[in-house]
Amino acid sequence: MRKTLPPRKLAIYGGMLLGFLMLESPMIMVANKVDPMIMGVPFLFVWNLGWWAFLTGLFLVAYLTNWGSGSVPVPQRSR
């Protein structure tokens, strides 16, 4: 039987793949420009900072939704 991914988990994986592709692929050469300055910073730095912020936020959402485990953890008992 084939296991399917829930839509939330699929969206998180898709967002991670998109973010890493935009930072590490030859697509970075599209952003490798100094001419369009954004608030005095070259566009390449803004591009990297923007995708880094996107991935950081996505990892935070993934952590808060417990996307890596197969089941919901049982809360700790108080002693």
N, C-alpha and C. Protein backbone atom coordinates (compact mmCIF):
# COMPACT_ATOMS: atom_id res chain seq x y z
N MET A 1 0.84 -1.17 0.00
CA MET A 1 0.00 0.00 0.00
C MET A 1 0.89 1.24 0.00
N ARG A 2 0.53 2.21 -0.75
CA ARG A 2 1.30 3.44 -0.87
C ARG A 2 0.88 4.45 0.19
N LYS A 3 1.87 5.02 0.86
CA LYS A 3 1.60 6.01 1.90
C LYS A 3 1.52 7.39 1.26
N THR A 4 0.49 8.15 1.58
CA THR A 4 0.35 9.50 1.04
C THR A 4 0.69 10.52 2.11
N LEU A 5 1.17 11.66 1.67
CA LEU A 5 1.53 12.74 2.59
C LEU A 5 0.34 13.67 2.79
N PRO A 6 0.13 14.13 4.01
CA PRO A 6 -0.92 15.12 4.24
C PRO A 6 -0.57 16.43 3.51
N PRO A 7 -1.57 17.23 3.17
CA PRO A 7 -1.30 18.48 2.44
C PRO A 7 -0.34 19.43 3.15
N ARG A 8 -0.42 19.51 4.48
CA ARG A 8 0.48 20.41 5.22
C ARG A 8 1.92 19.96 5.08
N LYS A 9 2.16 18.67 5.23
CA LYS A 9 3.52 18.13 5.12
C LYS A 9 4.04 18.30 3.69
N LEU A 10 3.20 18.09 2.73
CA LEU A 10 3.58 18.27 1.32
C LEU A 10 3.92 19.73 1.04
N ALA A 11 3.17 20.66 1.61
CA ALA A 11 3.45 22.09 1.42
C ALA A 11 4.77 22.47 2.08
N ILE A 12 5.06 21.91 3.25
CA ILE A 12 6.33 22.21 3.93
C ILE A 12 7.50 21.68 3.11
N TYR A 13 7.39 20.44 2.63
CA TYR A 13 8.46 19.88 1.80
C TYR A 13 8.64 20.70 0.52
N GLY A 14 7.54 21.09 -0.10
CA GLY A 14 7.62 21.89 -1.32
C GLY A 14 8.26 23.24 -1.08
N GLY A 15 7.91 23.88 0.04
CA GLY A 15 8.51 25.17 0.38
C GLY A 15 10.00 25.05 0.66
N MET A 16 10.40 23.97 1.34
CA MET A 16 11.83 23.75 1.60
C MET A 16 12.59 23.55 0.29
N LEU A 17 12.03 22.76 -0.58
CA LEU A 17 12.67 22.52 -1.87
C LEU A 17 12.79 23.81 -2.67
N LEU A 18 11.74 24.60 -2.70
CA LEU A 18 11.77 25.87 -3.41
C LEU A 18 12.82 26.81 -2.82
N GLY A 19 12.85 26.93 -1.51
CA GLY A 19 13.80 27.82 -0.86
C GLY A 19 15.24 27.41 -1.12
N PHE A 20 15.54 26.12 -0.99
CA PHE A 20 16.89 25.67 -1.23
C PHE A 20 17.29 25.80 -2.69
N LEU A 21 16.35 25.57 -3.60
CA LEU A 21 16.65 25.74 -5.02
C LEU A 21 16.96 27.20 -5.35
N MET A 22 16.22 28.11 -4.76
CA MET A 22 16.45 29.53 -5.04
C MET A 22 17.77 30.01 -4.45
N LEU A 23 18.24 29.40 -3.38
CA LEU A 23 19.51 29.81 -2.77
C LEU A 23 20.72 29.11 -3.37
N GLU A 24 20.58 27.86 -3.80
CA GLU A 24 21.73 27.06 -4.17
C GLU A 24 21.85 26.74 -5.66
N SER A 25 20.84 26.98 -6.44
CA SER A 25 20.88 26.61 -7.86
C SER A 25 21.48 27.76 -8.68
N PRO A 26 21.67 27.55 -9.97
CA PRO A 26 22.14 28.65 -10.82
C PRO A 26 21.15 29.82 -10.91
N MET A 27 19.99 29.67 -10.31
CA MET A 27 19.01 30.76 -10.26
C MET A 27 19.58 31.96 -9.53
N ILE A 28 20.58 31.74 -8.69
CA ILE A 28 21.20 32.83 -7.95
C ILE A 28 21.86 33.82 -8.91
N MET A 29 22.25 33.35 -10.09
CA MET A 29 22.89 34.24 -11.05
C MET A 29 21.91 35.29 -11.58
N VAL A 30 20.63 35.02 -11.52
CA VAL A 30 19.63 36.01 -11.91
C VAL A 30 19.66 37.18 -10.92
N ALA A 31 19.91 36.86 -9.66
CA ALA A 31 19.92 37.90 -8.63
C ALA A 31 21.30 38.51 -8.44
N ASN A 32 22.30 38.03 -9.16
CA ASN A 32 23.67 38.51 -8.98
C ASN A 32 23.85 39.86 -9.68
N LYS A 33 23.22 40.86 -9.13
CA LYS A 33 23.28 42.20 -9.69
C LYS A 33 23.54 43.19 -8.55
N VAL A 34 24.31 44.20 -8.84
CA VAL A 34 24.58 45.22 -7.85
C VAL A 34 23.73 46.45 -8.12
N ASP A 35 23.34 46.63 -9.37
CA ASP A 35 22.67 47.86 -9.79
C ASP A 35 21.38 48.15 -9.04
N PRO A 36 20.39 47.26 -8.98
CA PRO A 36 19.21 47.66 -8.19
C PRO A 36 19.53 47.60 -6.70
N MET A 37 19.73 48.76 -6.12
CA MET A 37 20.02 48.84 -4.69
C MET A 37 18.70 48.98 -3.93
N ILE A 38 18.54 48.20 -2.89
CA ILE A 38 17.34 48.27 -2.05
C ILE A 38 17.78 48.75 -0.68
N MET A 39 17.39 49.95 -0.34
CA MET A 39 17.78 50.61 0.90
C MET A 39 19.31 50.62 1.07
N GLY A 40 20.02 50.83 -0.02
CA GLY A 40 21.47 50.94 0.01
C GLY A 40 22.21 49.62 0.01
N VAL A 41 21.49 48.51 -0.15
CA VAL A 41 22.10 47.18 -0.12
C VAL A 41 21.96 46.57 -1.52
N PRO A 42 23.01 45.93 -2.06
CA PRO A 42 22.89 45.28 -3.36
C PRO A 42 21.80 44.21 -3.37
N PHE A 43 21.20 44.04 -4.53
CA PHE A 43 20.07 43.13 -4.68
C PHE A 43 20.41 41.69 -4.29
N LEU A 44 21.64 41.25 -4.56
CA LEU A 44 22.04 39.88 -4.22
C LEU A 44 21.93 39.63 -2.72
N PHE A 45 22.32 40.59 -1.90
CA PHE A 45 22.21 40.42 -0.45
C PHE A 45 20.75 40.38 -0.01
N VAL A 46 19.93 41.21 -0.61
CA VAL A 46 18.50 41.21 -0.29
C VAL A 46 17.87 39.89 -0.70
N TRP A 47 18.27 39.35 -1.87
CA TRP A 47 17.77 38.06 -2.37
C TRP A 47 18.10 36.96 -1.36
N ASN A 48 19.36 36.89 -0.96
CA ASN A 48 19.77 35.85 -0.01
C ASN A 48 19.09 36.03 1.34
N LEU A 49 19.01 37.24 1.83
CA LEU A 49 18.37 37.48 3.11
C LEU A 49 16.88 37.15 3.07
N GLY A 50 16.22 37.47 1.97
CA GLY A 50 14.80 37.17 1.82
C GLY A 50 14.51 35.67 1.82
N TRP A 51 15.29 34.91 1.05
CA TRP A 51 15.07 33.47 1.01
C TRP A 51 15.49 32.81 2.31
N TRP A 52 16.53 33.36 2.96
CA TRP A 52 16.92 32.84 4.27
C TRP A 52 15.79 33.06 5.28
N ALA A 53 15.18 34.23 5.27
CA ALA A 53 14.07 34.52 6.18
C ALA A 53 12.87 33.62 5.87
N PHE A 54 12.61 33.38 4.59
CA PHE A 54 11.52 32.48 4.19
C PHE A 54 11.75 31.08 4.75
N LEU A 55 12.98 30.56 4.59
CA LEU A 55 13.27 29.22 5.09
C LEU A 55 13.25 29.15 6.62
N THR A 56 13.73 30.20 7.26
CA THR A 56 13.70 30.22 8.73
C THR A 56 12.27 30.19 9.24
N GLY A 57 11.40 30.99 8.64
CA GLY A 57 9.99 30.97 9.01
C GLY A 57 9.33 29.63 8.72
N LEU A 58 9.68 29.04 7.59
CA LEU A 58 9.11 27.74 7.23
C LEU A 58 9.57 26.65 8.20
N PHE A 59 10.84 26.67 8.60
CA PHE A 59 11.31 25.70 9.57
C PHE A 59 10.64 25.91 10.93
N LEU A 60 10.35 27.14 11.30
CA LEU A 60 9.64 27.41 12.54
C LEU A 60 8.22 26.83 12.48
N VAL A 61 7.53 27.05 11.37
CA VAL A 61 6.19 26.47 11.20
C VAL A 61 6.26 24.95 11.24
N ALA A 62 7.28 24.38 10.58
CA ALA A 62 7.43 22.92 10.58
C ALA A 62 7.67 22.40 11.99
N TYR A 63 8.49 23.10 12.75
CA TYR A 63 8.76 22.68 14.13
C TYR A 63 7.50 22.77 14.99
N LEU A 64 6.76 23.85 14.86
CA LEU A 64 5.57 24.04 15.68
C LEU A 64 4.45 23.06 15.33
N THR A 65 4.41 22.61 14.08
CA THR A 65 3.37 21.65 13.67
C THR A 65 3.83 20.21 13.82
N ASN A 66 5.07 20.00 14.31
CA ASN A 66 5.58 18.65 14.55
C ASN A 66 5.52 17.81 13.28
N TRP A 67 6.02 18.34 12.18
CA TRP A 67 5.87 17.69 10.87
C TRP A 67 6.77 16.48 10.69
N GLY A 68 7.80 16.30 11.47
CA GLY A 68 8.76 15.23 11.25
C GLY A 68 8.36 13.88 11.82
N SER A 69 7.52 13.87 12.82
CA SER A 69 7.18 12.59 13.45
C SER A 69 5.92 12.01 12.84
N GLY A 70 5.82 10.69 12.97
CA GLY A 70 4.66 10.00 12.43
C GLY A 70 3.44 10.09 13.31
N SER A 71 3.64 10.38 14.58
CA SER A 71 2.50 10.46 15.50
C SER A 71 2.67 11.67 16.41
N VAL A 72 1.59 12.02 17.05
CA VAL A 72 1.61 13.16 17.96
C VAL A 72 2.22 12.69 19.28
N PRO A 73 3.20 13.40 19.83
CA PRO A 73 3.83 12.94 21.07
C PRO A 73 2.87 13.05 22.26
N VAL A 74 3.04 12.14 23.19
CA VAL A 74 2.23 12.14 24.41
C VAL A 74 2.85 13.16 25.37
N PRO A 75 2.03 14.06 25.93
CA PRO A 75 2.59 15.05 26.85
C PRO A 75 3.18 14.38 28.10
N GLN A 76 4.18 15.02 28.68
CA GLN A 76 4.83 14.49 29.87
C GLN A 76 3.88 14.57 31.06
N ARG A 77 3.93 13.54 31.90
CA ARG A 77 3.13 13.55 33.11
C ARG A 77 3.80 14.44 34.15
N SER A 78 3.02 15.16 34.91
CA SER A 78 3.60 15.94 36.00
C SER A 78 3.79 15.01 37.21
N ARG A 79 4.86 15.20 37.94
CA ARG A 79 5.15 14.33 39.08
C ARG A 79 4.57 14.83 40.35
